[in-house]
C-alpha atoms as a PDB file:
ATOM      1  CA  MET A   1      15.373 -14.356  -0.559  1.00  0.00           C
ATOM      2  CA  THR A   2      13.352 -11.962   1.549  1.00  0.00           C
ATOM      3  CA  ASP A   3      11.326  -8.972   0.378  1.00  0.00           C
ATOM      4  CA  GLU A   4      14.006  -6.798   1.935  1.00  0.00           C
ATOM      5  CA  THR A   5      16.798  -8.219  -0.226  1.00  0.00           C
ATOM      6  CA  SER A   6      14.773  -8.764  -3.401  1.00  0.00           C
ATOM      7  CA  GLY A   7      13.940  -5.065  -3.553  1.00  0.00           C
ATOM      8  CA  SER A   8      10.163  -5.433  -3.655  1.00  0.00           C
ATOM      9  CA  THR A   9       9.685  -3.039  -0.732  1.00  0.00           C
ATOM     10  CA  VAL A  10      12.206  -0.470  -1.952  1.00  0.00           C
ATOM     11  CA  PRO A  11       9.720   1.678  -3.941  1.00  0.00           C
ATOM     12  CA  ARG A  12       7.258   1.635  -1.011  1.00  0.00           C
ATOM     13  CA  ARG A  13       9.933   2.745   1.420  1.00  0.00           C
ATOM     14  CA  GLN A  14      11.203   5.420  -0.981  1.00  0.00           C
ATOM     15  CA  LEU A  15       7.683   6.691  -1.464  1.00  0.00           C
ATOM     16  CA  GLY A  16       7.064   6.670   2.284  1.00  0.00           C
ATOM     17  CA  ARG A  17      10.186   8.718   2.975  1.00  0.00           C
ATOM     18  CA  LEU A  18       9.313  11.163   0.219  1.00  0.00           C
ATOM     19  CA  LEU A  19       5.737  11.605   1.497  1.00  0.00           C
ATOM     20  CA  THR A  20       7.008  12.102   5.046  1.00  0.00           C
ATOM     21  CA  GLN A  21       9.410  14.786   3.848  1.00  0.00           C
ATOM     22  CA  LEU A  22       6.685  16.532   1.832  1.00  0.00           C
ATOM     23  CA  ARG A  23       4.320  16.445   4.816  1.00  0.00           C
ATOM     24  CA  GLU A  24       6.919  17.808   7.216  1.00  0.00           C
ATOM     25  CA  ASP A  25       8.025  20.514   4.747  1.00  0.00           C
ATOM     26  CA  ALA A  26       4.389  21.600   4.479  1.00  0.00           C
ATOM     27  CA  SER A  27       4.059  21.594   8.315  1.00  0.00           C
ATOM     28  CA  VAL A  28       1.134  19.181   8.124  1.00  0.00           C
ATOM     29  CA  SER A  29       0.605  16.851  11.103  1.00  0.00           C
ATOM     30  CA  LEU A  30      -0.244  13.163  10.767  1.00  0.00           C
ATOM     31  CA  ASP A  31      -3.701  13.956  12.124  1.00  0.00           C
ATOM     32  CA  ALA A  32      -4.275  16.722   9.571  1.00  0.00           C
ATOM     33  CA  ALA A  33      -3.080  14.460   6.755  1.00  0.00           C
ATOM     34  CA  ALA A  34      -5.415  11.695   7.898  1.00  0.00           C
ATOM     35  CA  GLU A  35      -8.310  14.119   8.086  1.00  0.00           C
ATOM     36  CA  GLY A  36      -7.572  15.392   4.575  1.00  0.00           C
ATOM     37  CA  LEU A  37      -7.447  11.836   3.252  1.00  0.00           C
ATOM     38  CA  ASP A  38     -10.508  10.809   5.275  1.00  0.00           C
ATOM     39  CA  CYS A  39      -8.619   7.885   6.777  1.00  0.00           C
ATOM     40  CA  SER A  40      -6.999   6.907  10.053  1.00  0.00           C
ATOM     41  CA  ARG A  41      -3.757   8.342  11.363  1.00  0.00           C
ATOM     42  CA  GLN A  42      -2.423   4.778  11.384  1.00  0.00           C
ATOM     43  CA  LYS A  43      -2.971   4.434   7.625  1.00  0.00           C
ATOM     44  CA  VAL A  44      -0.887   7.553   6.956  1.00  0.00           C
ATOM     45  CA  TRP A  45       1.806   6.268   9.332  1.00  0.00           C
ATOM     46  CA  ARG A  46       1.863   2.841   7.588  1.00  0.00           C
ATOM     47  CA  ILE A  47       2.162   4.537   4.183  1.00  0.00           C
ATOM     48  CA  GLU A  48       5.035   6.718   5.421  1.00  0.00           C
ATOM     49  CA  LYS A  49       6.855   3.720   6.895  1.00  0.00           C
ATOM     50  CA  GLY A  50       6.487   1.788   3.622  1.00  0.00           C
ATOM     51  CA  LEU A  51       4.483  -0.973   5.266  1.00  0.00           C
ATOM     52  CA  VAL A  52       1.600  -0.899   2.785  1.00  0.00           C
ATOM     53  CA  PRO A  53       1.225  -0.228  -0.936  1.00  0.00           C
ATOM     54  CA  VAL A  54      -0.087   3.245  -1.756  1.00  0.00           C
ATOM     55  CA  ARG A  55      -3.063   3.726  -4.032  1.00  0.00           C
ATOM     56  CA  VAL A  56      -2.418   6.308  -6.745  1.00  0.00           C
ATOM     57  CA  VAL A  57      -5.517   8.246  -5.680  1.00  0.00           C
ATOM     58  CA  ASP A  58      -4.146   8.501  -2.123  1.00  0.00           C
ATOM     59  CA  ALA A  59      -0.712   9.573  -3.374  1.00  0.00           C
ATOM     60  CA  ARG A  60      -2.267  12.328  -5.498  1.00  0.00           C
ATOM     61  CA  ALA A  61      -4.440  13.472  -2.591  1.00  0.00           C
ATOM     62  CA  MET A  62      -1.412  13.608  -0.290  1.00  0.00           C
ATOM     63  CA  CYS A  63       0.441  15.734  -2.845  1.00  0.00           C
ATOM     64  CA  GLU A  64      -2.489  18.143  -2.939  1.00  0.00           C
ATOM     65  CA  ILE A  65      -2.704  18.345   0.852  1.00  0.00           C
ATOM     66  CA  TYR A  66       1.067  18.906   1.084  1.00  0.00           C
ATOM     67  CA  ARG A  67       1.053  21.437  -1.777  1.00  0.00           C
ATOM     68  CA  ALA A  68       3.759  19.485  -3.592  1.00  0.00           C
ATOM     69  CA  PRO A  69       5.252  20.963  -6.767  1.00  0.00           C
ATOM     70  CA  GLU A  70       4.235  19.389 -10.097  1.00  0.00           C
ATOM     71  CA  ASP A  71       7.560  17.587 -10.596  1.00  0.00           C
ATOM     72  CA  MET A  72       7.211  15.963  -7.156  1.00  0.00           C
ATOM     73  CA  LYS A  73       3.626  14.951  -7.939  1.00  0.00           C
ATOM     74  CA  ALA A  74       4.901  13.075 -10.986  1.00  0.00           C
ATOM     75  CA  ILE A  75       7.571  11.281  -8.938  1.00  0.00           C
ATOM     76  CA  VAL A  76       5.122  10.368  -6.162  1.00  0.00           C
ATOM     77  CA  THR A  77       2.523   9.126  -8.647  1.00  0.00           C
ATOM     78  CA  GLY A  78       5.119   7.029 -10.468  1.00  0.00           C
ATOM     79  CA  LEU A  79       6.290   5.392  -7.250  1.00  0.00           C
ATOM     80  CA  ALA A  80       2.676   4.770  -6.187  1.00  0.00           C
ATOM     81  CA  LYS A  81       1.959   3.044  -9.503  1.00  0.00           C
ATOM     82  CA  GLU A  82       5.030   0.872  -9.016  1.00  0.00           C
ATOM     83  CA  THR A  83       3.996  -0.132  -5.482  1.00  0.00           C
ATOM     84  CA  ALA A  84       0.484  -0.973  -6.704  1.00  0.00           C
ATOM     85  CA  GLN A  85       1.847  -3.140  -9.549  1.00  0.00           C
ATOM     86  CA  ARG A  86       4.186  -4.997  -7.230  1.00  0.00           C
ATOM     87  CA  ALA A  87       1.433  -5.530  -4.659  1.00  0.00           C
ATOM     88  CA  GLY A  88      -0.871  -6.870  -7.370  1.00  0.00           C
ATOM     89  CA  GLY A  89       1.786  -9.314  -8.554  1.00  0.00           C
ATOM     90  CA  ILE A  90       2.439 -10.558  -5.047  1.00  0.00           C
ATOM     91  CA  ARG A  91      -1.267 -10.984  -4.367  1.00  0.00           C
ATOM     92  CA  THR A  92      -1.745 -12.934  -7.614  1.00  0.00           C
ATOM     93  CA  ALA A  93       1.232 -15.159  -6.893  1.00  0.00           C
ATOM     94  CA  LYS A  94      -0.175 -16.113  -3.511  1.00  0.00           C
ATOM     95  CA  LEU A  95      -3.595 -16.964  -4.939  1.00  0.00           C
ATOM     96  CA  SER A  96      -2.492 -18.916  -8.006  1.00  0.00           C
ATOM     97  CA  ARG A  97      -0.551 -21.837  -6.649  1.00  0.00           C
ATOM     98  CA  PRO A  98       0.925 -24.108  -9.343  1.00  0.00           C
ATOM     99  CA  GLY A  99      -0.970 -27.352  -9.720  1.00  0.00           C
ATOM    100  CA  SER A 100      -3.954 -26.353  -7.613  1.00  0.00           C
ATOM    101  CA  PRO A 101      -7.389 -26.519  -9.215  1.00  0.00           C
ATOM    102  CA  SER A 102      -9.492 -23.369  -9.476  1.00  0.00           C
ATOM    103  CA  THR A 103     -11.921 -24.859  -6.959  1.00  0.00           C
ATOM    104  CA  SER A 104      -9.293 -25.162  -4.264  1.00  0.00           C
ATOM    105  CA  GLY A 105     -11.443 -23.402  -1.708  1.00  0.00           C
ATOM    106  CA  TRP A 106      -9.838 -19.970  -1.917  1.00  0.00           C
ATOM    107  CA  ASN A 107     -13.240 -18.403  -2.508  1.00  0.00           C
ATOM    108  CA  ARG A 108     -15.153 -20.408   0.051  1.00  0.00           C
ATOM    109  CA  PRO A 109     -16.391 -18.604   3.149  1.00  0.00           C
ATOM    110  CA  PRO A 110     -14.635 -19.592   6.367  1.00  0.00           C
ATOM    111  CA  PRO A 111     -16.260 -22.430   8.279  1.00  0.00           C
ATOM    112  CA  SER A 112     -18.553 -21.465  11.087  1.00  0.00           C
ATOM    113  CA  CYS A 113     -17.726 -22.330  14.678  1.00  0.00           C
ATOM    114  CA  GLY A 114     -18.322 -25.978  15.330  1.00  0.00           C
ATOM    115  CA  ASP A 115     -18.340 -26.921  11.625  1.00  0.00           C
ATOM    116  CA  THR A 116     -16.275 -30.090  11.506  1.00  0.00           C
ATOM    117  CA  THR A 117     -17.150 -31.127   7.950  1.00  0.00           C
ATOM    118  CA  ARG A 118     -14.350 -29.049   6.364  1.00  0.00           C
ATOM    119  CA  ASN A 119     -10.659 -29.437   7.002  1.00  0.00           C
END
């Protein structure tokens, strides 16, 4: 089952569409949004396309920049919290493999070039 069919990206995509609509309704460009968030234009684009989870602080800041009404702020914040929870669960699942000891090497620094002692 893919992320697409399991629904795990649905809240991110919903949030992205909603933020895009709010930005366009406020006549704010991607560049102006990025400047207001103090981030890259690409980050705003990725958020709007639902490609990355949205931090609640970023969602609130976007609502302020876009002058969103209070009811919309609540919706956006709720969706952002949901995307953050889902992203946290996915991240944890990838790091905690069943049956692997806690010293499995996940926290080790990557080997340097030419280091042949580690596999």
